[in-house]
Amino acid sequence: MENTATTQRIHILVFDRCQIVDATGAASIFGSANEAAMKAGHTKRPYDIKFIAPETNQVKTSAGVSLYADYILGDRIHPADTLICPGGKGTPSFISNPKAIKSIKRIASRTRRVVSVCTGAFILAEAGILDGRRAATHWAYCDQLSHDYPEIKVEADPIFIKDGNVYTSAGVTAGMDLALALIEEDIGRDIALEVARDMVMFSKRLGSQAQFSTQLATQMAPPGNIRDLQL
């Protein structure tokens, strides 16, 4: 069993019309890791999870549900071990805010690892964090990311990519797979497996796994005898 000497700070960005699962999915995974670690005999919770927002503590997600942030981007916040940037329909508005992007640059420069989920890759791209790096995003936005930021090596297939201390993931639930991989990296495979069991997830989906699986493609076949056999 691996134990944690210190509690790691996880800061998750939230903003108006962000994708709720991008933010709360990752938070749920790390929260489950806290419970699993304490059950396994760790003396401290591995993670301290906080939401940060651009200008006001309350933000309305793309689902219409509001989230309440612990901090504002302009606050004096202790450096984090991990910064997570979600995507969502509000991403274009967020990246058009120079003040918010400047804050992301500042926070990322003091953070051990930086993570994006789905179109959150556009936030890291606008902040210059992905320049010269390999990156993933939701399959439907790969061409746009490549076009808007040609200095980034966009890869359409993987569900997540690690390039140095920067991690990018594909759409929505791929961020949960990445969070599980980060837990294994931090505190070991046993805790990651326990979290996967608790959250009823695949124990491990490799980052190189294709976003648009063959099984899903076959499920989209036209109705008829062949589709009935596939199902």
Protein backbone atom coordinates (compact mmCIF):
# COMPACT_ATOMS: atom_id res chain seq x y z
CA MET A 1 0.00 0.00 0.00
CA GLU A 2 1.25 3.47 -0.88
CA ASN A 3 0.53 6.20 1.67
CA THR A 4 0.33 9.94 1.19
CA ALA A 5 2.63 12.18 3.19
CA THR A 6 0.68 15.32 2.31
CA THR A 7 -2.75 16.19 0.99
CA GLN A 8 -2.69 17.34 -2.63
CA ARG A 9 -4.74 20.35 -3.71
CA ILE A 10 -7.03 19.80 -6.69
CA HIS A 11 -8.40 23.03 -8.16
CA ILE A 12 -11.21 22.60 -10.69
CA LEU A 13 -12.22 25.57 -12.83
CA VAL A 14 -15.94 26.22 -13.26
CA PHE A 15 -17.55 28.92 -15.38
CA ASP A 16 -20.92 29.83 -16.87
CA ARG A 17 -22.19 27.08 -19.20
CA CYS A 18 -19.30 24.73 -18.46
CA GLN A 19 -20.08 21.03 -18.92
CA ILE A 20 -21.17 19.90 -15.45
CA VAL A 21 -19.81 16.34 -15.77
CA ASP A 22 -16.37 17.64 -16.80
CA ALA A 23 -16.13 19.35 -13.41
CA THR A 24 -18.19 17.22 -11.04
CA GLY A 25 -17.13 13.92 -12.62
CA ALA A 26 -13.49 14.60 -11.81
CA ALA A 27 -14.42 15.89 -8.35
CA SER A 28 -16.39 12.70 -7.66
CA ILE A 29 -13.47 10.50 -8.68
CA PHE A 30 -10.99 12.29 -6.42
CA GLY A 31 -13.56 12.38 -3.61
CA SER A 32 -14.04 8.63 -3.90
CA ALA A 33 -10.26 8.23 -3.73
CA ASN A 34 -10.27 10.06 -0.39
CA GLU A 35 -12.80 7.60 1.00
CA ALA A 36 -10.97 4.57 -0.40
CA ALA A 37 -7.61 5.74 0.93
CA MET A 38 -8.90 6.35 4.45
CA LYS A 39 -10.60 2.96 4.42
CA ALA A 40 -7.28 1.41 3.38
CA GLY A 41 -5.52 2.95 6.38
CA HIS A 42 -4.04 6.18 5.02
CA THR A 43 -3.48 8.73 7.75
CA LYS A 44 -4.58 11.70 5.62
CA ARG A 45 -7.03 12.29 2.82
CA PRO A 46 -4.99 12.33 -0.40
CA TYR A 47 -6.90 15.23 -1.98
CA ASP A 48 -8.35 18.62 -1.05
CA ILE A 49 -10.80 19.45 -3.85
CA LYS A 50 -11.91 23.02 -4.56
CA PHE A 51 -13.82 24.78 -7.36
CA ILE A 52 -12.56 28.11 -8.68
CA ALA A 53 -14.61 30.50 -10.83
CA PRO A 54 -13.76 33.57 -12.96
CA GLU A 55 -15.67 36.43 -11.33
CA THR A 56 -18.48 35.25 -9.05
CA ASN A 57 -18.77 32.23 -6.80
CA GLN A 58 -22.02 31.00 -8.33
CA VAL A 59 -21.96 29.77 -11.93
CA LYS A 60 -24.69 28.17 -14.00
CA THR A 61 -23.55 25.10 -15.91
CA SER A 62 -24.70 24.05 -19.37
CA ALA A 63 -27.18 21.70 -17.66
CA GLY A 64 -28.87 24.71 -16.04
CA VAL A 65 -27.70 23.59 -12.58
CA SER A 66 -25.65 26.11 -10.59
CA LEU A 67 -22.37 25.28 -8.86
CA TYR A 68 -20.82 27.29 -6.04
CA ALA A 69 -17.09 27.91 -6.24
CA ASP A 70 -14.77 28.04 -3.24
CA TYR A 71 -12.49 30.66 -4.79
CA ILE A 72 -12.40 33.36 -7.46
CA LEU A 73 -9.56 33.34 -10.01
CA GLY A 74 -8.28 36.69 -8.73
CA ASP A 75 -8.07 35.49 -5.12
CA ARG A 76 -4.77 34.71 -3.45
CA ILE A 77 -4.96 30.93 -3.65
CA HIS A 78 -2.37 28.46 -2.41
CA PRO A 79 -0.59 26.81 -5.35
CA ALA A 80 -2.34 23.63 -6.46
CA ASP A 81 -0.90 20.24 -7.28
CA THR A 82 -3.45 19.84 -10.09
CA LEU A 83 -5.46 22.38 -12.08
CA ILE A 84 -8.38 20.95 -14.07
CA CYS A 85 -10.05 22.98 -16.84
CA PRO A 86 -13.40 21.63 -18.07
CA GLY A 87 -15.05 22.38 -21.39
CA GLY A 88 -18.63 23.07 -22.36
CA LYS A 89 -20.74 25.51 -24.32
CA GLY A 90 -19.37 28.43 -22.32
CA THR A 91 -15.76 27.78 -23.36
CA PRO A 92 -15.69 30.32 -26.25
CA SER A 93 -16.92 33.05 -23.90
CA PHE A 94 -14.36 32.11 -21.27
CA ILE A 95 -11.39 32.17 -23.66
CA SER A 96 -12.48 35.58 -24.96
CA ASN A 97 -11.88 37.01 -21.48
CA PRO A 98 -8.21 38.15 -21.38
CA LYS A 99 -8.29 38.62 -17.61
CA ALA A 100 -9.47 35.05 -17.03
CA ILE A 101 -6.86 33.61 -19.41
CA LYS A 102 -4.13 35.63 -17.70
CA SER A 103 -5.22 34.13 -14.38
CA ILE A 104 -5.11 30.62 -15.83
CA LYS A 105 -1.55 31.26 -17.07
CA ARG A 106 -0.53 32.50 -13.62
CA ILE A 107 -2.11 29.59 -11.76
CA ALA A 108 -0.77 27.00 -14.23
CA SER A 109 2.77 28.34 -13.86
CA ARG A 110 2.65 27.41 -10.16
CA THR A 111 0.88 24.08 -10.58
CA ARG A 112 2.55 20.67 -10.66
CA ARG A 113 0.29 19.34 -13.39
CA VAL A 114 -2.34 20.92 -15.61
CA VAL A 115 -5.34 19.02 -16.95
CA SER A 116 -8.10 19.70 -19.46
CA VAL A 117 -11.32 17.80 -20.06
CA CYS A 118 -13.11 17.88 -23.41
CA THR A 119 -13.06 21.40 -24.96
CA GLY A 120 -11.21 22.64 -21.89
CA ALA A 121 -8.22 22.06 -24.18
CA PHE A 122 -9.14 25.38 -25.83
CA ILE A 123 -8.56 27.14 -22.50
CA LEU A 124 -5.08 25.67 -22.20
CA ALA A 125 -4.46 26.44 -25.87
CA GLU A 126 -5.48 30.09 -25.49
CA ALA A 127 -3.19 30.36 -22.48
CA GLY A 128 -0.28 29.03 -24.57
CA ILE A 129 0.11 25.98 -22.35
CA LEU A 130 -0.31 23.50 -25.22
CA ASP A 131 2.14 25.14 -27.61
CA GLY A 132 4.36 22.44 -29.13
CA ARG A 133 2.60 19.68 -27.21
CA ARG A 134 0.45 16.70 -28.17
CA ALA A 135 -3.16 17.17 -27.10
CA ALA A 136 -6.57 15.52 -27.12
CA THR A 137 -10.05 16.99 -27.04
CA HIS A 138 -13.59 15.88 -27.90
CA TRP A 139 -13.49 14.18 -31.32
CA ALA A 140 -15.98 16.71 -32.76
CA TYR A 141 -13.63 19.62 -31.99
CA CYS A 142 -10.25 18.19 -33.02
CA ASP A 143 -10.26 19.91 -36.41
CA GLN A 144 -11.19 23.25 -34.88
CA LEU A 145 -8.49 23.01 -32.22
CA SER A 146 -5.92 22.15 -34.88
CA HIS A 147 -7.10 25.00 -37.13
CA ASP A 148 -7.27 27.66 -34.40
CA TYR A 149 -3.98 26.65 -32.75
CA PRO A 150 -1.73 25.14 -35.46
CA GLU A 151 1.24 24.96 -33.07
CA ILE A 152 -0.53 22.15 -31.16
CA LYS A 153 -0.14 18.51 -32.23
CA VAL A 154 -3.80 17.51 -31.99
CA GLU A 155 -4.52 13.76 -31.93
CA ALA A 156 -8.10 12.71 -32.63
CA ASP A 157 -8.04 9.11 -31.37
CA PRO A 158 -6.77 8.90 -27.76
CA ILE A 159 -9.13 9.40 -24.83
CA PHE A 160 -6.33 11.17 -22.97
CA ILE A 161 -2.74 12.24 -23.54
CA LYS A 162 0.11 13.09 -21.17
CA ASP A 163 2.79 15.44 -22.50
CA GLY A 164 5.16 16.47 -19.75
CA ASN A 165 3.12 17.84 -16.87
CA VAL A 166 0.13 18.63 -19.12
CA TYR A 167 -2.73 16.14 -19.49
CA THR A 168 -5.57 16.55 -21.99
CA SER A 169 -8.61 14.32 -22.36
CA ALA A 170 -11.42 13.70 -24.79
CA GLY A 171 -15.11 14.34 -24.25
CA VAL A 172 -16.88 14.38 -20.91
CA THR A 173 -16.50 10.95 -19.26
CA ALA A 174 -12.94 10.61 -20.61
CA GLY A 175 -12.05 13.14 -17.91
CA MET A 176 -13.14 10.60 -15.33
CA ASP A 177 -10.89 7.98 -16.92
CA LEU A 178 -8.02 10.47 -16.75
CA ALA A 179 -8.78 11.28 -13.10
CA LEU A 180 -8.61 7.54 -12.34
CA ALA A 181 -5.23 7.34 -14.08
CA LEU A 182 -3.97 10.30 -12.03
CA ILE A 183 -5.04 8.56 -8.81
CA GLU A 184 -3.08 5.47 -9.84
CA GLU A 185 -0.11 7.71 -10.58
CA ASP A 186 -0.41 9.44 -7.18
CA ILE A 187 -1.34 6.74 -4.70
CA GLY A 188 -1.26 3.42 -6.46
CA ARG A 189 -3.22 0.87 -8.44
CA ASP A 190 -5.10 -0.63 -5.49
CA ILE A 191 -6.84 2.65 -4.62
CA ALA A 192 -7.58 3.35 -8.29
CA LEU A 193 -9.19 -0.09 -8.64
CA GLU A 194 -11.27 0.48 -5.50
CA VAL A 195 -12.47 3.82 -6.90
CA ALA A 196 -13.35 2.16 -10.22
CA ARG A 197 -15.40 -0.46 -8.38
CA ASP A 198 -17.13 2.20 -6.28
CA MET A 199 -17.97 4.35 -9.32
CA VAL A 200 -18.90 1.31 -11.48
CA MET A 201 -16.28 2.21 -14.08
CA PHE A 202 -13.90 0.23 -16.25
CA SER A 203 -10.91 -0.43 -14.01
CA LYS A 204 -8.59 1.01 -16.63
CA ARG A 205 -9.17 2.48 -20.07
CA LEU A 206 -5.82 3.17 -21.67
CA GLY A 207 -5.25 6.72 -22.83
CA SER A 208 -4.51 5.38 -26.30
CA GLN A 209 -7.95 3.78 -26.61
CA ALA A 210 -9.94 5.22 -29.50
CA GLN A 211 -12.65 7.76 -28.61
CA PHE A 212 -15.18 6.39 -31.09
CA SER A 213 -15.19 2.66 -30.40
CA THR A 214 -16.03 -0.06 -32.92
CA GLN A 215 -18.71 -1.35 -30.58
CA LEU A 216 -20.40 2.07 -30.48
CA ALA A 217 -20.16 2.37 -34.24
CA THR A 218 -21.95 -0.96 -34.71
CA GLN A 219 -24.74 0.13 -32.37
CA MET A 220 -25.41 3.03 -34.75
CA ALA A 221 -26.10 0.71 -37.70
CA PRO A 222 -29.55 1.03 -39.36
CA PRO A 223 -32.42 -1.01 -37.89
CA GLY A 224 -32.85 -4.50 -39.25
CA ASN A 225 -31.62 -8.05 -38.87
CA ILE A 226 -27.90 -7.13 -38.74
CA ARG A 227 -28.44 -4.57 -36.00
CA ASP A 228 -30.57 -7.04 -34.04
CA LEU A 229 -27.68 -9.50 -34.13
CA GLN A 230 -25.22 -6.82 -33.03
CA LEU A 231 -27.31 -5.95 -30.01
